[in-house]
Amino acid sequence: MKIVIILCSFILYAHAATFERGESKIEAGGQIVADTAWIDDSGHSYHDSKIRRARVYLKGDITKYLSYELEYSFTGKNDWKDVYLKYTGFPGWMIYAGNIKEPFGLEALTSSKYNTFMERALADFYNSRKIGLLIKGYQKSDNNVVTYALGGFGKSLDEAIDHKQGENSLVGRVTYTKIVSKDQIYHVGLSASYTTHDKDSVKLSSDIGSSLYKGSFIKTKVKKVDHTKRIGLESALVSGAFSFQGEYVAYAIAKQFVTYNFSGWYAQASWFLTGESRKYKAKSAVFSRVKPLKPVDKGGYGAVEVALRVTQLDLSDKDENGGKERDLSLDVNWYLKSNLRLMAEYTYADELTGKSKDANVFQLRAQYDF
């Protein structure tokens, strides 16, 4: 707890400033995200609001090749986010050690600050930060970029602090991207993971794209799990103001005499009415910050993006009848500045296994990072 107080005090003092002393550099900052939602769940209507994210971070360089990051969250299930050391002394390679994201999937690895929709799609199976060692590689030849990532992971930092059970995973990802220009890219990728479990069961559920949804729209719980496997396919393209992104994930849960096969996918498209393009970070093979051509603090009107997404999750196989769900979301993003965004989103969720269950969600978000 003392380290949290010290970290937060320093960040408040620094207020996102960057300090340079010789070859070392220290940067402090954070983000705050506020949501409000109106939800109709099969005829039961309610309204709720909350602070979705409140995080602070501290990062900097220790030596020319060794850097660090500490990020703490005051909201959500996991207090500690990125807590790692990073080594870049080998050309084309990066080594991470600490509490870090498993290298699986495009949307999961893209920061929540930069994803198009308010919440990640239904295909985001069981992906979180864990304590581990991760090796990432990057190769570029002309306009062709290939990335590799392979890591071994155990418990999360929060699980270790609380002495909870966890799991052990081997996770990898490889991507290929054709970069025609800064606003025209073509991306494909493959991810895979194998996880052994100390916990007695694995729980899966959905919240129909809103953290304010009460309960789980569909859910399942598989007991006496031996191991799980994931395979993920991803693709994306950016062509000027237009972008497309989609993923499919197969998730297998194995116990003594049976294996349950679940799956999820999404496809989304977006268009910037004001002419901007989604930005792509080639070395990490993820999307990054949108920069308005005419931000409001320079007398402009910011950037306006409209997006449509369809996503599906199937949690039924054999005697596990968790349900099948399909969501359709329409989103409008207004980027006043690169670090300030207002969002409006409507989602219709439909339970597809004959239970006559559906839900409508309209939600708003204000997002600021510093």
Protein backbone atom coordinates (compact mmCIF):
# COMPACT_ATOMS: atom_id res chain seq x y z
CA MET A 1 0.00 0.00 0.00
CA LYS A 2 2.88 2.39 0.73
CA ILE A 3 4.22 2.07 -2.80
CA VAL A 4 0.78 3.01 -4.17
CA ILE A 5 0.65 6.15 -2.02
CA ILE A 6 4.17 7.15 -3.04
CA LEU A 7 3.44 6.51 -6.72
CA CYS A 8 0.17 8.46 -6.70
CA SER A 9 1.71 11.38 -4.80
CA PHE A 10 4.50 11.62 -7.33
CA ILE A 11 2.12 11.48 -10.26
CA LEU A 12 -0.11 14.20 -8.87
CA TYR A 13 2.97 16.33 -8.36
CA ALA A 14 4.35 15.60 -11.81
CA HIS A 15 0.97 16.02 -13.59
CA ALA A 16 2.09 14.14 -16.65
CA ALA A 17 5.32 16.11 -16.98
CA THR A 18 8.44 14.57 -18.43
CA PHE A 19 11.69 14.94 -16.52
CA GLU A 20 15.05 14.44 -18.18
CA ARG A 21 18.26 14.03 -16.24
CA GLY A 22 21.17 13.02 -18.43
CA GLU A 23 20.23 9.82 -20.23
CA SER A 24 17.36 8.99 -17.86
CA LYS A 25 13.77 10.07 -18.39
CA ILE A 26 10.73 9.80 -16.11
CA GLU A 27 7.15 10.25 -17.30
CA ALA A 28 4.03 10.28 -15.15
CA GLY A 29 0.38 10.37 -16.18
CA GLY A 30 -2.92 8.57 -16.09
CA GLN A 31 -6.46 8.37 -17.41
CA ILE A 32 -10.02 8.80 -16.22
CA VAL A 33 -13.11 7.41 -17.96
CA ALA A 34 -16.71 8.11 -16.91
CA ASP A 35 -19.72 6.14 -18.22
CA THR A 36 -23.47 6.47 -18.00
CA ALA A 37 -25.95 4.00 -19.50
CA TRP A 38 -29.69 3.42 -20.02
CA ILE A 39 -30.42 -0.31 -20.20
CA ASP A 40 -33.54 -2.29 -21.08
CA ASP A 41 -33.03 -5.97 -20.26
CA SER A 42 -36.01 -7.97 -21.57
CA GLY A 43 -38.43 -5.32 -20.28
CA HIS A 44 -36.56 -4.42 -17.08
CA SER A 45 -35.22 -0.86 -17.50
CA TYR A 46 -32.69 1.01 -15.39
CA HIS A 47 -30.06 3.76 -15.55
CA ASP A 48 -26.63 3.78 -13.95
CA SER A 49 -23.34 5.70 -14.01
CA LYS A 50 -19.83 5.12 -12.75
CA ILE A 51 -16.14 5.87 -13.17
CA ARG A 52 -15.12 3.13 -15.56
CA ARG A 53 -11.38 3.69 -15.29
CA ALA A 54 -9.14 5.76 -13.04
CA ARG A 55 -5.48 4.89 -13.48
CA VAL A 56 -2.08 6.41 -12.85
CA TYR A 57 1.29 5.37 -14.22
CA LEU A 58 4.97 6.04 -13.88
CA LYS A 59 7.50 4.99 -16.50
CA GLY A 60 11.03 5.84 -17.45
CA ASP A 61 14.50 4.75 -18.49
CA ILE A 62 16.98 3.16 -16.12
CA THR A 63 19.75 2.83 -18.70
CA LYS A 64 19.97 3.23 -22.47
CA TYR A 65 18.43 -0.21 -23.02
CA LEU A 66 16.51 -0.84 -19.80
CA SER A 67 13.19 0.85 -18.98
CA TYR A 68 10.23 0.28 -16.66
CA GLU A 69 6.54 1.01 -16.21
CA LEU A 70 4.26 0.94 -13.14
CA GLU A 71 0.51 1.37 -13.62
CA TYR A 72 -2.12 1.24 -10.87
CA SER A 73 -5.91 1.19 -11.26
CA PHE A 74 -8.42 2.46 -8.71
CA THR A 75 -11.32 0.73 -10.51
CA GLY A 76 -12.13 -2.74 -11.80
CA LYS A 77 -11.11 -6.20 -10.63
CA ASN A 78 -7.33 -5.86 -10.99
CA ASP A 79 -5.51 -3.09 -9.15
CA TRP A 80 -2.11 -3.53 -10.76
CA LYS A 81 -1.90 -3.19 -14.53
CA ASP A 82 1.45 -2.90 -16.35
CA VAL A 83 4.30 -3.50 -13.91
CA TYR A 84 7.39 -4.53 -15.85
CA LEU A 85 11.00 -4.08 -16.91
CA LYS A 86 11.78 -3.83 -20.63
CA TYR A 87 15.13 -4.55 -22.30
CA THR A 88 15.88 -3.39 -25.86
CA GLY A 89 19.62 -4.13 -26.16
CA PHE A 90 19.19 -6.69 -28.95
CA PRO A 91 18.37 -5.04 -32.32
CA GLY A 92 14.87 -5.96 -33.47
CA TRP A 93 13.94 -7.62 -30.18
CA MET A 94 12.32 -6.56 -26.90
CA ILE A 95 12.24 -8.52 -23.64
CA TYR A 96 9.61 -7.84 -20.97
CA ALA A 97 9.54 -9.23 -17.42
CA GLY A 98 6.74 -8.48 -14.97
CA ASN A 99 2.96 -8.14 -14.89
CA ILE A 100 2.11 -7.76 -18.58
CA LYS A 101 -0.57 -8.59 -21.15
CA GLU A 102 -0.48 -12.00 -22.74
CA PRO A 103 0.32 -11.58 -26.48
CA PHE A 104 -3.07 -12.69 -27.79
CA GLY A 105 -5.32 -10.87 -30.24
CA LEU A 106 -5.46 -7.44 -31.85
CA GLU A 107 -8.26 -5.77 -29.89
CA ALA A 108 -7.09 -7.18 -26.55
CA LEU A 109 -3.55 -5.85 -27.05
CA THR A 110 -4.68 -2.45 -28.31
CA SER A 111 -5.03 -0.09 -25.36
CA SER A 112 -8.59 0.59 -24.21
CA LYS A 113 -7.78 4.28 -24.79
CA TYR A 114 -7.52 3.63 -28.53
CA ASN A 115 -10.14 0.95 -29.24
CA THR A 116 -13.08 2.14 -31.33
CA PHE A 117 -15.89 0.85 -29.09
CA MET A 118 -16.54 1.42 -25.40
CA GLU A 119 -15.91 -2.23 -24.47
CA ARG A 120 -14.09 -5.03 -26.23
CA ALA A 121 -16.02 -7.50 -28.37
CA LEU A 122 -17.45 -10.82 -27.20
CA ALA A 123 -14.48 -12.73 -28.67
CA ASP A 124 -12.16 -11.39 -25.93
CA PHE A 125 -11.82 -14.73 -24.10
CA TYR A 126 -10.11 -14.78 -20.74
CA ASN A 127 -7.31 -12.32 -21.62
CA SER A 128 -5.55 -10.36 -18.88
CA ARG A 129 -2.22 -9.25 -17.45
CA LYS A 130 -0.13 -11.94 -15.80
CA ILE A 131 3.33 -12.23 -14.27
CA GLY A 132 5.63 -13.59 -16.94
CA LEU A 133 8.49 -13.29 -19.38
CA LEU A 134 7.72 -12.06 -22.90
CA ILE A 135 10.00 -11.89 -25.95
CA LYS A 136 8.88 -9.76 -28.90
CA GLY A 137 10.53 -9.49 -32.31
CA TYR A 138 10.12 -7.03 -35.16
CA GLN A 139 11.35 -7.23 -38.76
CA LYS A 140 10.78 -4.77 -41.58
CA SER A 141 11.65 -5.22 -45.25
CA ASP A 142 10.53 -2.44 -47.56
CA ASN A 143 6.81 -2.07 -46.74
CA ASN A 144 6.47 -5.50 -45.14
CA VAL A 145 6.45 -5.85 -41.35
CA VAL A 146 6.48 -9.11 -39.38
CA THR A 147 6.19 -9.32 -35.59
CA TYR A 148 6.68 -12.26 -33.24
CA ALA A 149 5.78 -12.63 -29.58
CA LEU A 150 6.15 -15.58 -27.22
CA GLY A 151 5.74 -15.61 -23.46
CA GLY A 152 5.30 -17.78 -20.41
CA PHE A 153 2.91 -16.57 -17.69
CA GLY A 154 1.65 -17.53 -14.24
CA LYS A 155 -0.64 -15.71 -11.82
CA SER A 156 -1.51 -12.04 -12.06
CA LEU A 157 0.24 -9.69 -9.66
CA ASP A 158 -3.03 -9.18 -7.76
CA GLU A 159 -3.50 -12.96 -7.40
CA ALA A 160 0.05 -13.32 -6.12
CA ILE A 161 -0.41 -10.51 -3.57
CA ASP A 162 -3.71 -12.02 -2.35
CA HIS A 163 -2.28 -15.60 -2.36
CA LYS A 164 -4.94 -16.80 -4.79
CA GLN A 165 -4.78 -19.74 -7.15
CA GLY A 166 -3.88 -19.04 -10.77
CA GLU A 167 -2.74 -20.83 -13.88
CA ASN A 168 0.34 -21.29 -16.07
CA SER A 169 0.24 -20.32 -19.74
CA LEU A 170 2.35 -20.40 -22.87
CA VAL A 171 1.10 -17.73 -25.30
CA GLY A 172 2.30 -16.64 -28.74
CA ARG A 173 1.37 -14.30 -31.56
CA VAL A 174 2.69 -13.65 -35.07
CA THR A 175 1.52 -10.89 -37.44
CA TYR A 176 2.19 -9.67 -40.95
CA THR A 177 1.43 -6.14 -42.12
CA LYS A 178 1.72 -4.46 -45.49
CA ILE A 179 2.26 -0.73 -44.95
CA VAL A 180 1.51 1.00 -48.25
CA SER A 181 1.49 4.45 -46.61
CA LYS A 182 0.82 5.96 -43.18
CA ASP A 183 -2.94 5.83 -43.86
CA GLN A 184 -3.10 2.56 -45.82
CA ILE A 185 -2.22 -0.74 -44.11
CA TYR A 186 -3.21 -4.41 -44.38
CA HIS A 187 -2.80 -6.61 -41.32
CA VAL A 188 -3.27 -10.32 -40.51
CA GLY A 189 -2.29 -12.28 -37.42
CA LEU A 190 -2.44 -15.59 -35.58
CA SER A 191 -2.42 -16.14 -31.81
CA ALA A 192 -2.37 -19.34 -29.72
CA SER A 193 -2.21 -20.27 -26.05
CA TYR A 194 -2.08 -23.33 -23.82
CA THR A 195 -2.99 -22.98 -20.13
CA THR A 196 -2.92 -25.40 -17.21
CA HIS A 197 -5.24 -24.52 -14.33
CA ASP A 198 -4.83 -24.59 -10.56
CA LYS A 199 -8.38 -23.31 -10.12
CA ASP A 200 -11.23 -25.83 -9.87
CA SER A 201 -13.38 -24.19 -12.55
CA VAL A 202 -13.41 -21.76 -15.47
CA LYS A 203 -16.20 -19.18 -15.71
CA LEU A 204 -17.16 -17.39 -18.94
CA SER A 205 -19.82 -14.71 -19.36
CA SER A 206 -20.81 -11.59 -21.30
CA ASP A 207 -21.94 -8.11 -20.28
CA ILE A 208 -23.38 -7.03 -23.70
CA GLY A 209 -20.68 -4.42 -24.21
CA SER A 210 -21.41 -2.37 -21.09
CA SER A 211 -19.67 -2.46 -17.71
CA LEU A 212 -22.92 -1.08 -16.23
CA TYR A 213 -24.97 -4.12 -17.23
CA LYS A 214 -26.12 -5.95 -14.11
CA GLY A 215 -25.42 -9.67 -14.14
CA SER A 216 -24.39 -11.75 -17.15
CA PHE A 217 -26.37 -11.96 -20.37
CA ILE A 218 -25.06 -15.47 -21.08
CA LYS A 219 -22.65 -17.49 -18.94
CA THR A 220 -21.20 -20.92 -18.26
CA LYS A 221 -19.03 -22.59 -15.63
CA VAL A 222 -16.94 -25.68 -16.38
CA LYS A 223 -15.70 -27.57 -13.29
CA LYS A 224 -12.63 -29.76 -12.75
CA VAL A 225 -10.73 -28.18 -15.64
CA ASP A 226 -7.39 -29.70 -16.66
CA HIS A 227 -6.26 -27.27 -19.33
CA THR A 228 -7.55 -24.77 -21.90
CA LYS A 229 -6.44 -23.85 -25.41
CA ARG A 230 -7.11 -20.78 -27.54
CA ILE A 231 -6.58 -20.12 -31.24
CA GLY A 232 -7.19 -16.64 -32.62
CA LEU A 233 -7.27 -15.26 -36.16
CA GLU A 234 -7.21 -11.50 -36.76
CA SER A 235 -7.32 -9.12 -39.71
CA ALA A 236 -7.50 -5.38 -40.24
CA LEU A 237 -7.15 -2.77 -42.92
CA VAL A 238 -6.97 0.98 -43.02
CA SER A 239 -7.63 2.86 -46.23
CA GLY A 240 -7.75 6.59 -45.62
CA ALA A 241 -10.73 7.46 -43.45
CA PHE A 242 -12.11 3.88 -43.63
CA SER A 243 -11.02 0.96 -41.46
CA PHE A 244 -12.06 -2.65 -40.97
CA GLN A 245 -11.15 -5.03 -38.16
CA GLY A 246 -12.22 -8.57 -37.30
CA GLU A 247 -11.22 -11.57 -35.19
CA TYR A 248 -12.28 -15.17 -34.58
CA VAL A 249 -11.32 -17.06 -31.41
CA ALA A 250 -11.80 -20.76 -30.69
CA TYR A 251 -11.61 -21.66 -27.00
CA ALA A 252 -11.34 -25.29 -25.83
CA ILE A 253 -11.77 -26.32 -22.17
CA ALA A 254 -10.57 -29.84 -21.39
CA LYS A 255 -11.45 -31.96 -18.35
CA GLN A 256 -10.86 -35.64 -17.69
CA PHE A 257 -13.11 -37.25 -20.30
CA VAL A 258 -14.53 -34.38 -22.34
CA THR A 259 -13.50 -31.19 -24.15
CA TYR A 260 -15.88 -28.26 -24.55
CA ASN A 261 -15.43 -26.08 -27.62
CA PHE A 262 -16.63 -22.48 -27.43
CA SER A 263 -16.08 -19.65 -29.90
CA GLY A 264 -16.46 -15.94 -30.47
CA TRP A 265 -15.97 -13.47 -33.29
CA TYR A 266 -16.53 -9.88 -34.30
CA ALA A 267 -16.36 -7.70 -37.40
CA GLN A 268 -16.35 -3.93 -37.32
CA ALA A 269 -15.99 -1.02 -39.72
CA SER A 270 -15.47 2.69 -39.07
CA TRP A 271 -15.33 5.92 -41.04
CA PHE A 272 -13.91 9.31 -40.09
CA LEU A 273 -16.30 11.96 -41.37
CA THR A 274 -13.57 14.56 -40.83
CA GLY A 275 -10.88 12.78 -42.88
CA GLU A 276 -8.58 11.27 -40.25
CA SER A 277 -7.20 7.71 -40.30
CA ARG A 278 -6.75 5.17 -37.54
CA LYS A 279 -3.09 5.07 -36.53
CA TYR A 280 -1.16 1.79 -36.51
CA LYS A 281 1.90 0.99 -34.38
CA ALA A 282 3.94 -1.40 -36.51
CA LYS A 283 6.45 -2.63 -33.89
CA SER A 284 3.65 -3.83 -31.61
CA ALA A 285 1.11 -4.64 -34.37
CA VAL A 286 -1.71 -2.74 -32.62
CA PHE A 287 -3.69 0.44 -33.19
CA SER A 288 -2.69 3.65 -31.43
CA ARG A 289 -3.83 7.21 -30.77
CA VAL A 290 -6.08 9.10 -33.19
CA LYS A 291 -4.87 12.64 -33.84
CA PRO A 292 -7.55 15.08 -35.07
CA LEU A 293 -6.56 17.19 -38.05
CA LYS A 294 -8.22 20.21 -36.42
CA PRO A 295 -8.30 19.78 -32.61
CA VAL A 296 -10.60 22.03 -30.62
CA ASP A 297 -7.76 23.61 -28.62
CA LYS A 298 -6.42 25.01 -31.91
CA GLY A 299 -9.72 26.44 -33.08
CA GLY A 300 -10.98 23.32 -34.88
CA TYR A 301 -13.91 20.97 -34.40
CA GLY A 302 -12.00 17.76 -33.65
CA ALA A 303 -12.43 14.41 -35.37
CA VAL A 304 -15.75 12.56 -35.78
CA GLU A 305 -15.86 8.79 -36.33
CA VAL A 306 -18.86 6.52 -36.89
CA ALA A 307 -18.53 2.76 -36.43
CA LEU A 308 -20.61 -0.40 -36.70
CA ARG A 309 -19.82 -3.74 -35.07
CA VAL A 310 -21.41 -7.19 -35.01
CA THR A 311 -20.06 -9.71 -32.51
CA GLN A 312 -21.10 -13.20 -31.45
CA LEU A 313 -20.30 -15.54 -28.53
CA ASP A 314 -21.24 -19.23 -28.32
CA LEU A 315 -20.98 -20.81 -24.84
CA SER A 316 -22.95 -23.99 -25.59
CA ASP A 317 -21.40 -27.38 -26.31
CA LYS A 318 -22.42 -30.89 -25.26
CA ASP A 319 -24.01 -30.63 -21.80
CA GLU A 320 -22.81 -27.07 -21.15
CA ASN A 321 -25.65 -24.78 -22.27
CA GLY A 322 -24.32 -21.33 -21.48
CA GLY A 323 -26.14 -19.73 -24.39
CA LYS A 324 -25.39 -18.03 -27.67
CA GLU A 325 -25.41 -14.26 -28.08
CA ARG A 326 -25.11 -11.80 -30.95
CA ASP A 327 -24.67 -8.06 -30.42
CA LEU A 328 -25.00 -5.23 -32.91
CA SER A 329 -23.44 -1.89 -31.92
CA LEU A 330 -23.47 1.57 -33.47
CA ASP A 331 -20.90 4.01 -32.13
CA VAL A 332 -20.10 7.70 -32.62
CA ASN A 333 -16.75 9.04 -31.40
CA TRP A 334 -15.87 12.72 -31.12
CA TYR A 335 -12.15 13.27 -30.56
CA LEU A 336 -11.90 16.85 -29.32
CA LYS A 337 -8.14 16.42 -28.92
CA SER A 338 -5.88 13.41 -29.22
CA ASN A 339 -6.30 12.71 -25.48
CA LEU A 340 -9.94 13.77 -25.02
CA ARG A 341 -12.83 11.76 -26.48
CA LEU A 342 -16.62 11.74 -26.08
CA MET A 343 -18.51 8.59 -27.11
CA ALA A 344 -22.14 7.65 -27.75
CA GLU A 345 -23.05 4.02 -28.36
CA TYR A 346 -26.17 1.91 -28.91
CA THR A 347 -26.10 -1.90 -28.60
CA TYR A 348 -28.79 -4.47 -29.29
CA ALA A 349 -28.05 -7.88 -27.75
CA ASP A 350 -29.97 -11.00 -28.77
CA GLU A 351 -29.89 -14.44 -27.12
CA LEU A 352 -29.98 -16.88 -30.04
CA THR A 353 -30.91 -20.18 -28.37
CA GLY A 354 -34.67 -19.72 -28.20
CA LYS A 355 -34.93 -18.11 -24.77
CA SER A 356 -36.64 -14.96 -26.13
CA LYS A 357 -34.11 -12.80 -24.31
CA ASP A 358 -32.80 -9.50 -25.62
CA ALA A 359 -31.44 -6.21 -24.34
CA ASN A 360 -30.97 -2.62 -25.51
CA VAL A 361 -28.19 -0.39 -24.20
CA PHE A 362 -27.57 3.28 -24.87
CA GLN A 363 -24.46 4.63 -23.20
CA LEU A 364 -22.26 7.71 -23.11
CA ARG A 365 -18.60 8.09 -22.18
CA ALA A 366 -16.15 10.88 -21.45
CA GLN A 367 -12.51 9.79 -21.70
CA TYR A 368 -9.40 11.81 -20.84
CA ASP A 369 -5.79 10.75 -20.46
CA PHE A 370 -2.79 12.82 -19.44
